[in-house]
Amino acid sequence: MNAASAWASGPIRSRSHADIPSAQTASERAREVKRFEEEYGEDWDGTMIEYDSDFVNLPEYVAAALVNGNLRAVLQWLSKGNLKERVNAKWEDGGNAGLLYIAVKKKQLDMMSYLLLNGADVNIFNVADASVLTTSCYLADNPLKAVRLLLSWGAELIEKGKRLTKEREMVFRHEISARGNAEIANLTSTVLGGRRCEIVSAPKTRDDLVGKTCVVEEYVEISDQYRVTMEFTNEVLLLDANKLNRRDRTPQDPGYYVESKNNRLTRRDFKSNEDCQAFIASLGSDVMKSSEVNPDAEAKAEQAAADLLSELGLGDLEGPSSSASKKNNQSASGKKKKRGGKKKGRK
């Protein structure tokens, strides 16, 4: 195991109560990252540590960066490898927590969307085989907006690898209500609460709504209807359950788009689902090229990654000007730093 790998898999000196790196840890790790970069080169973090065949390890410094709001460092790490693998990376020493869960905890909604748009599993498990939605509902500080976003992307309540039974759901809602999340308990108590839906049957005089999408805000018991907000127009309506079908967001049908430019997130809103889907389709082969890696052709993958970084103009942690100067130096010398190979299995 090289020194970089040893650092990434090394012991954790301090953690917060939620097994997320503390600010002190982040500072310490940042200094260690700098030392490793000086010794092994800026591309050392291209080494992916795979503890089993199911996931790529999430370096602790990346988790700490997200905790502390350093999205640029997180986006840079994501861009330096197979994006779909990295958005699903898990921090093994942190209970297999992933970036999606940490983004929920820190209420980074655009980061959540970026991860999901690029293939993050909305129901990815932690070490206890619980889904992100399940663990998020227990968080303090009322993560209601983040939970709503998860629900609109199709998140489910899962424990020990299985969907919650009705009996367990009742206990679950009591538990999260006791933690101060009564709104979330109410939201998850109905079939369509928080879900993105398509209107399949029009209310009177509103044939224009058929095929349109909305997000369910709440169940109104007195009228046995759902209060929904229409996408793109924000019109609020009361609709019967039989007029709605779930239409979970997907990377091909998200209703909006969040992209990374120069390691900064930018959100795009559209006038309709058709406009959004047309934009996604226009990305086409570029999206596929950025997410596909041939494991049997490491040299080609490295070159493709380098070309992609050059096309996107992504800088390193020191800033765009530093990145540009390093590229020029590499071109002048004709030399390229060599990244570490993959390390599989930790015993």
Protein backbone atom coordinates (compact mmCIF):
# COMPACT_ATOMS: atom_id res chain seq x y z
CA MET A 1 0.00 0.00 0.00
CA ASN A 2 1.49 3.38 -0.95
CA ALA A 3 1.53 6.33 1.40
CA ALA A 4 -1.50 7.99 -0.21
CA SER A 5 -3.55 4.84 0.15
CA ALA A 6 -2.40 4.45 3.73
CA TRP A 7 -3.51 7.98 4.52
CA ALA A 8 -6.95 7.56 2.91
CA SER A 9 -7.60 4.35 4.82
CA GLY A 10 -5.88 5.42 8.04
CA PRO A 11 -7.41 5.80 11.49
CA ILE A 12 -9.76 8.64 12.25
CA ARG A 13 -8.49 10.94 14.93
CA SER A 14 -11.66 12.87 15.65
CA ARG A 15 -15.26 12.68 14.55
CA SER A 16 -18.49 14.46 15.26
CA HIS A 17 -21.32 12.58 16.96
CA ALA A 18 -22.78 11.69 13.54
CA ASP A 19 -19.57 10.02 12.30
CA ILE A 20 -18.90 12.95 9.98
CA PRO A 21 -15.44 14.57 10.08
CA SER A 22 -15.26 17.54 12.43
CA ALA A 23 -13.85 20.93 11.51
CA GLN A 24 -10.65 20.05 13.39
CA THR A 25 -10.27 16.86 11.38
CA ALA A 26 -10.84 18.76 8.15
CA SER A 27 -8.04 21.18 8.99
CA GLU A 28 -5.68 18.39 9.90
CA ARG A 29 -6.56 16.41 6.80
CA ALA A 30 -6.11 19.45 4.56
CA ARG A 31 -2.53 19.81 5.80
CA GLU A 32 -1.91 16.11 5.24
CA VAL A 33 -3.34 16.30 1.73
CA LYS A 34 -0.96 19.16 0.97
CA ARG A 35 2.02 17.19 2.23
CA PHE A 36 1.05 14.15 0.15
CA GLU A 37 0.56 16.30 -2.95
CA GLU A 38 4.05 17.73 -2.50
CA GLU A 39 5.56 14.25 -2.14
CA TYR A 40 3.49 12.21 -4.58
CA GLY A 41 2.08 14.83 -6.95
CA GLU A 42 -1.27 16.54 -7.21
CA ASP A 43 -2.87 13.54 -8.90
CA TRP A 44 -2.41 11.12 -5.99
CA ASP A 45 -6.11 11.25 -5.25
CA GLY A 46 -6.76 9.57 -8.62
CA THR A 47 -6.02 6.36 -6.75
CA MET A 48 -9.30 4.68 -5.88
CA ILE A 49 -9.32 2.30 -2.96
CA GLU A 50 -11.82 -0.50 -3.40
CA TYR A 51 -12.52 -2.47 -0.25
CA ASP A 52 -14.88 -4.81 -2.04
CA SER A 53 -16.57 -5.10 -5.42
CA ASP A 54 -19.56 -2.99 -4.41
CA PHE A 55 -18.19 0.50 -3.92
CA VAL A 56 -15.25 2.87 -4.20
CA ASN A 57 -13.93 4.27 -0.95
CA LEU A 58 -14.67 7.93 -0.23
CA PRO A 59 -11.52 9.62 1.13
CA GLU A 60 -12.09 11.26 4.48
CA TYR A 61 -10.75 14.60 3.28
CA VAL A 62 -13.50 14.69 0.61
CA ALA A 63 -16.19 13.96 3.20
CA ALA A 64 -14.69 16.65 5.44
CA ALA A 65 -14.66 19.12 2.55
CA LEU A 66 -18.39 18.64 1.99
CA VAL A 67 -19.10 18.97 5.71
CA ASN A 68 -17.27 22.29 5.73
CA GLY A 69 -18.91 23.60 2.56
CA ASN A 70 -15.87 23.26 0.31
CA LEU A 71 -17.83 22.10 -2.71
CA ARG A 72 -14.99 22.94 -5.06
CA ALA A 73 -12.75 20.30 -3.50
CA VAL A 74 -15.55 17.73 -3.69
CA LEU A 75 -16.32 18.51 -7.33
CA GLN A 76 -12.66 18.33 -8.25
CA TRP A 77 -12.35 14.87 -6.68
CA LEU A 78 -15.48 13.73 -8.51
CA SER A 79 -14.06 14.95 -11.82
CA LYS A 80 -10.79 13.03 -11.50
CA GLY A 81 -12.22 9.56 -12.02
CA ASN A 82 -15.25 7.59 -13.11
CA LEU A 83 -18.03 9.99 -12.13
CA LYS A 84 -20.74 7.37 -11.68
CA GLU A 85 -18.50 5.32 -9.40
CA ARG A 86 -17.46 8.31 -7.36
CA VAL A 87 -20.94 9.74 -6.78
CA ASN A 88 -21.71 6.37 -5.17
CA ALA A 89 -18.46 6.19 -3.17
CA LYS A 90 -18.75 5.31 0.51
CA TRP A 91 -16.61 6.35 3.45
CA GLU A 92 -15.88 2.98 4.99
CA ASP A 93 -14.51 4.34 8.27
CA GLY A 94 -17.61 6.52 8.58
CA GLY A 95 -20.19 3.75 8.55
CA ASN A 96 -20.27 3.61 4.74
CA ALA A 97 -21.80 7.08 4.61
CA GLY A 98 -21.81 8.51 1.10
CA LEU A 99 -21.73 11.99 -0.37
CA LEU A 100 -25.51 12.00 -0.81
CA TYR A 101 -26.12 11.46 2.91
CA ILE A 102 -23.56 14.10 3.88
CA ALA A 103 -25.15 16.55 1.43
CA VAL A 104 -28.53 15.89 3.08
CA LYS A 105 -27.06 16.47 6.52
CA LYS A 106 -25.51 19.77 5.43
CA LYS A 107 -28.62 20.78 3.44
CA GLN A 108 -26.65 21.12 0.21
CA LEU A 109 -29.60 20.71 -2.14
CA ASP A 110 -27.78 21.54 -5.37
CA MET A 111 -25.03 19.06 -4.51
CA MET A 112 -27.69 16.43 -3.83
CA SER A 113 -29.21 17.10 -7.24
CA TYR A 114 -25.82 17.04 -8.96
CA LEU A 115 -25.02 13.65 -7.43
CA LEU A 116 -28.41 12.20 -8.39
CA LEU A 117 -28.24 13.61 -11.93
CA ASN A 118 -24.91 11.88 -12.38
CA GLY A 119 -26.03 8.45 -11.27
CA ALA A 120 -25.98 8.47 -7.47
CA ASP A 121 -28.23 5.74 -6.06
CA VAL A 122 -31.01 7.52 -4.17
CA ASN A 123 -31.42 4.41 -2.00
CA ILE A 124 -27.74 3.70 -1.39
CA PHE A 125 -27.19 1.76 1.84
CA ASN A 126 -24.95 2.53 4.79
CA VAL A 127 -23.17 -0.12 6.86
CA ALA A 128 -26.48 -1.10 8.51
CA ASP A 129 -28.19 -1.54 5.12
CA ALA A 130 -30.39 1.48 5.77
CA SER A 131 -31.26 3.87 2.94
CA VAL A 132 -30.37 7.55 2.81
CA LEU A 133 -34.01 8.51 3.36
CA THR A 134 -34.31 6.37 6.47
CA THR A 135 -31.18 7.75 8.12
CA SER A 136 -31.94 11.32 7.02
CA CYS A 137 -35.32 11.32 8.75
CA TYR A 138 -33.54 10.93 12.10
CA LEU A 139 -31.33 13.98 11.59
CA ALA A 140 -31.73 16.97 13.86
CA ASP A 141 -32.28 20.51 12.57
CA ASN A 142 -35.30 19.54 10.44
CA PRO A 143 -33.92 18.42 7.03
CA LEU A 144 -37.41 18.73 5.48
CA LYS A 145 -36.34 20.27 2.16
CA ALA A 146 -33.66 17.65 1.66
CA VAL A 147 -36.11 14.85 2.48
CA ARG A 148 -38.62 16.29 -0.02
CA LEU A 149 -35.92 16.29 -2.68
CA LEU A 150 -35.08 12.64 -1.94
CA LEU A 151 -38.75 11.67 -2.14
CA SER A 152 -39.15 13.41 -5.49
CA TRP A 153 -36.28 11.26 -6.79
CA GLY A 154 -37.94 8.05 -5.64
CA ALA A 155 -36.27 7.46 -2.27
CA GLU A 156 -37.74 4.71 -0.09
CA LEU A 157 -37.70 3.88 3.62
CA ILE A 158 -35.41 0.86 3.93
CA GLU A 159 -33.85 -0.80 6.97
CA LYS A 160 -31.63 -3.89 7.01
CA GLY A 161 -31.98 -4.04 3.25
CA LYS A 162 -35.79 -4.30 3.27
CA ARG A 163 -38.68 -1.88 2.87
CA LEU A 164 -40.32 -0.94 6.14
CA THR A 165 -43.49 -2.84 6.99
CA LYS A 166 -46.62 -0.89 7.88
CA GLU A 167 -46.13 -1.75 11.53
CA ARG A 168 -42.52 -0.62 11.47
CA GLU A 169 -43.47 2.58 9.63
CA MET A 170 -45.80 3.54 12.47
CA VAL A 171 -43.03 3.07 15.01
CA PHE A 172 -40.59 4.87 12.72
CA ARG A 173 -42.82 7.93 12.42
CA HIS A 174 -43.24 8.03 16.19
CA GLU A 175 -39.46 7.89 16.61
CA ILE A 176 -38.69 10.71 14.19
CA SER A 177 -41.52 12.83 15.60
CA ALA A 178 -39.96 12.46 19.03
CA ARG A 179 -36.76 13.84 17.52
CA GLY A 180 -38.58 16.98 16.36
CA ASN A 181 -39.32 15.90 12.79
CA ALA A 182 -43.11 15.73 12.96
CA GLU A 183 -43.44 17.38 9.52
CA ILE A 184 -41.35 14.64 7.97
CA ALA A 185 -43.35 12.00 9.82
CA ASN A 186 -46.58 13.43 8.39
CA LEU A 187 -45.07 13.71 4.91
CA THR A 188 -44.01 10.06 4.83
CA SER A 189 -47.28 8.79 6.32
CA THR A 190 -49.08 8.85 2.96
CA VAL A 191 -48.35 7.03 -0.29
CA LEU A 192 -47.70 10.14 -2.37
CA GLY A 193 -46.36 12.54 0.26
CA GLY A 194 -43.45 14.50 -1.19
CA ARG A 195 -43.52 12.58 -4.47
CA ARG A 196 -43.22 13.98 -7.94
CA CYS A 197 -46.34 12.91 -9.85
CA GLU A 198 -47.92 13.12 -13.26
CA ILE A 199 -51.56 14.16 -13.58
CA VAL A 200 -53.32 11.33 -15.42
CA SER A 201 -56.90 12.51 -15.14
CA ALA A 202 -57.97 16.13 -15.33
CA PRO A 203 -60.18 17.88 -12.82
CA LYS A 204 -63.19 19.69 -14.29
CA THR A 205 -62.37 22.26 -16.98
CA ARG A 206 -58.62 21.58 -16.68
CA ASP A 207 -57.81 19.22 -19.52
CA ASP A 208 -54.60 21.21 -19.97
CA LEU A 209 -53.18 19.56 -16.84
CA VAL A 210 -53.14 15.98 -18.17
CA GLY A 211 -49.57 14.81 -18.63
CA LYS A 212 -48.16 17.67 -16.58
CA THR A 213 -46.04 17.07 -13.48
CA CYS A 214 -46.40 18.31 -9.95
CA VAL A 215 -44.95 17.74 -6.50
CA VAL A 216 -47.19 16.62 -3.65
CA GLU A 217 -46.92 19.02 -0.73
CA GLU A 218 -49.27 17.36 1.77
CA TYR A 219 -52.32 15.21 2.29
CA VAL A 220 -55.45 17.15 3.28
CA GLU A 221 -57.46 14.78 5.43
CA ILE A 222 -60.67 16.81 5.56
CA SER A 223 -61.12 16.60 1.77
CA ASP A 224 -59.21 13.33 1.22
CA GLN A 225 -57.09 15.05 -1.40
CA TYR A 226 -53.49 15.99 -2.01
CA ARG A 227 -52.28 19.56 -2.15
CA VAL A 228 -49.86 19.74 -5.07
CA THR A 229 -47.64 22.39 -6.62
CA MET A 230 -47.39 22.30 -10.40
CA GLU A 231 -43.89 22.24 -11.82
CA PHE A 232 -42.84 25.23 -13.93
CA THR A 233 -45.92 27.33 -13.02
CA ASN A 234 -46.04 26.86 -9.22
CA GLU A 235 -49.84 26.70 -9.37
CA VAL A 236 -51.27 25.07 -6.23
CA LEU A 237 -54.16 22.61 -6.61
CA LEU A 238 -56.14 20.06 -4.62
CA LEU A 239 -56.32 16.74 -6.46
CA ASP A 240 -57.73 13.29 -5.73
CA ALA A 241 -55.24 10.46 -5.40
CA ASN A 242 -56.70 8.64 -8.40
CA LYS A 243 -55.74 11.55 -10.64
CA LEU A 244 -52.03 11.16 -9.82
CA ASN A 245 -49.34 8.65 -10.71
CA ARG A 246 -45.82 8.73 -9.36
CA ARG A 247 -43.27 10.00 -11.85
CA ASP A 248 -40.01 9.98 -9.94
CA ARG A 249 -37.23 12.22 -11.17
CA THR A 250 -34.50 10.46 -13.13
CA PRO A 251 -31.31 11.71 -14.79
CA GLN A 252 -33.22 11.66 -18.09
CA ASP A 253 -36.38 13.30 -16.68
CA PRO A 254 -35.38 15.54 -13.75
CA GLY A 255 -37.42 18.68 -14.46
CA TYR A 256 -34.32 20.83 -13.83
CA TYR A 257 -30.58 20.47 -14.16
CA VAL A 258 -27.54 21.15 -12.00
CA GLU A 259 -24.13 21.17 -13.67
CA SER A 260 -20.56 21.76 -12.58
CA LYS A 261 -18.59 24.49 -14.32
CA ASN A 262 -15.09 25.27 -13.10
CA ASN A 263 -15.88 23.26 -9.98
CA ARG A 264 -18.92 25.40 -9.16
CA LEU A 265 -22.52 24.25 -9.29
CA THR A 266 -25.02 26.02 -11.51
CA ARG A 267 -28.72 25.25 -11.63
CA ARG A 268 -30.78 25.45 -14.83
CA ASP A 269 -34.55 25.80 -14.70
CA PHE A 270 -36.82 25.23 -17.68
CA LYS A 271 -40.28 26.18 -18.91
CA SER A 272 -41.40 22.58 -19.40
CA ASN A 273 -40.35 18.96 -19.07
CA GLU A 274 -39.95 18.84 -22.83
CA ASP A 275 -37.42 21.69 -22.74
CA CYS A 276 -35.54 19.98 -19.93
CA GLN A 277 -35.46 16.63 -21.74
CA ALA A 278 -34.29 18.31 -24.93
CA PHE A 279 -31.43 19.90 -23.03
CA ILE A 280 -30.48 16.55 -21.44
CA ALA A 281 -30.59 14.90 -24.87
CA SER A 282 -28.31 17.60 -26.27
CA LEU A 283 -25.66 16.59 -23.76
CA GLY A 284 -25.89 13.08 -25.22
CA SER A 285 -22.55 11.49 -25.93
CA ASP A 286 -20.65 13.97 -23.75
CA VAL A 287 -22.43 12.64 -20.66
CA MET A 288 -21.71 9.06 -21.67
CA LYS A 289 -18.06 9.80 -22.31
CA SER A 290 -17.67 11.38 -18.89
CA SER A 291 -19.22 8.42 -17.08
CA GLU A 292 -17.81 5.40 -18.92
CA VAL A 293 -14.42 3.90 -18.17
CA ASN A 294 -12.91 0.74 -19.63
CA PRO A 295 -11.30 -1.10 -16.69
CA ASP A 296 -9.13 -3.13 -19.11
CA ALA A 297 -7.59 -0.08 -20.73
CA GLU A 298 -6.20 2.03 -17.90
CA ALA A 299 -3.87 4.02 -20.12
CA LYS A 300 -6.71 5.03 -22.44
CA ALA A 301 -8.91 5.89 -19.48
CA GLU A 302 -6.21 8.12 -18.04
CA GLN A 303 -5.83 9.95 -21.35
CA ALA A 304 -9.61 10.32 -21.72
CA ALA A 305 -9.85 11.74 -18.22
CA ALA A 306 -7.04 14.20 -18.96
CA ASP A 307 -8.72 15.27 -22.21
CA LEU A 308 -12.06 15.69 -20.45
CA LEU A 309 -10.51 17.84 -17.70
CA SER A 310 -8.87 19.97 -20.38
CA GLU A 311 -12.15 20.41 -22.26
CA LEU A 312 -14.05 21.37 -19.12
CA GLY A 313 -11.33 23.72 -17.88
CA LEU A 314 -11.29 22.20 -14.41
CA GLY A 315 -8.61 23.47 -12.05
CA ASP A 316 -6.93 21.91 -9.06
CA LEU A 317 -7.39 22.83 -5.41
CA GLU A 318 -4.94 25.70 -5.76
CA GLY A 319 -7.01 27.51 -8.37
CA PRO A 320 -7.40 27.87 -12.15
CA SER A 321 -4.21 29.91 -12.66
CA SER A 322 -2.11 27.29 -10.89
CA SER A 323 -3.72 24.55 -12.97
CA ALA A 324 -2.99 26.39 -16.18
CA SER A 325 0.67 26.89 -15.32
CA LYS A 326 1.07 23.21 -14.46
CA LYS A 327 -0.47 22.20 -17.78
CA ASN A 328 1.97 24.47 -19.59
CA ASN A 329 4.89 23.01 -17.68
CA GLN A 330 3.79 19.49 -18.55
CA SER A 331 3.45 20.38 -22.22
CA ALA A 332 6.89 21.98 -22.28
CA SER A 333 8.60 19.04 -20.66
CA GLY A 334 6.61 16.36 -22.45
CA LYS A 335 6.22 14.51 -19.16
CA LYS A 336 3.06 13.46 -17.37
CA LYS A 337 2.67 12.49 -13.76
CA LYS A 338 1.72 8.91 -13.19
CA ARG A 339 -1.30 8.14 -11.03
CA GLY A 340 -1.36 5.28 -8.60
CA GLY A 341 -3.13 2.08 -9.51
CA LYS A 342 -6.16 0.61 -7.82
CA LYS A 343 -5.85 -1.09 -4.47
CA LYS A 344 -8.36 -3.83 -3.90
CA GLY A 345 -9.28 -5.47 -0.66
CA ARG A 346 -8.17 -4.37 2.77
CA LYS A 347 -7.47 -7.16 5.24
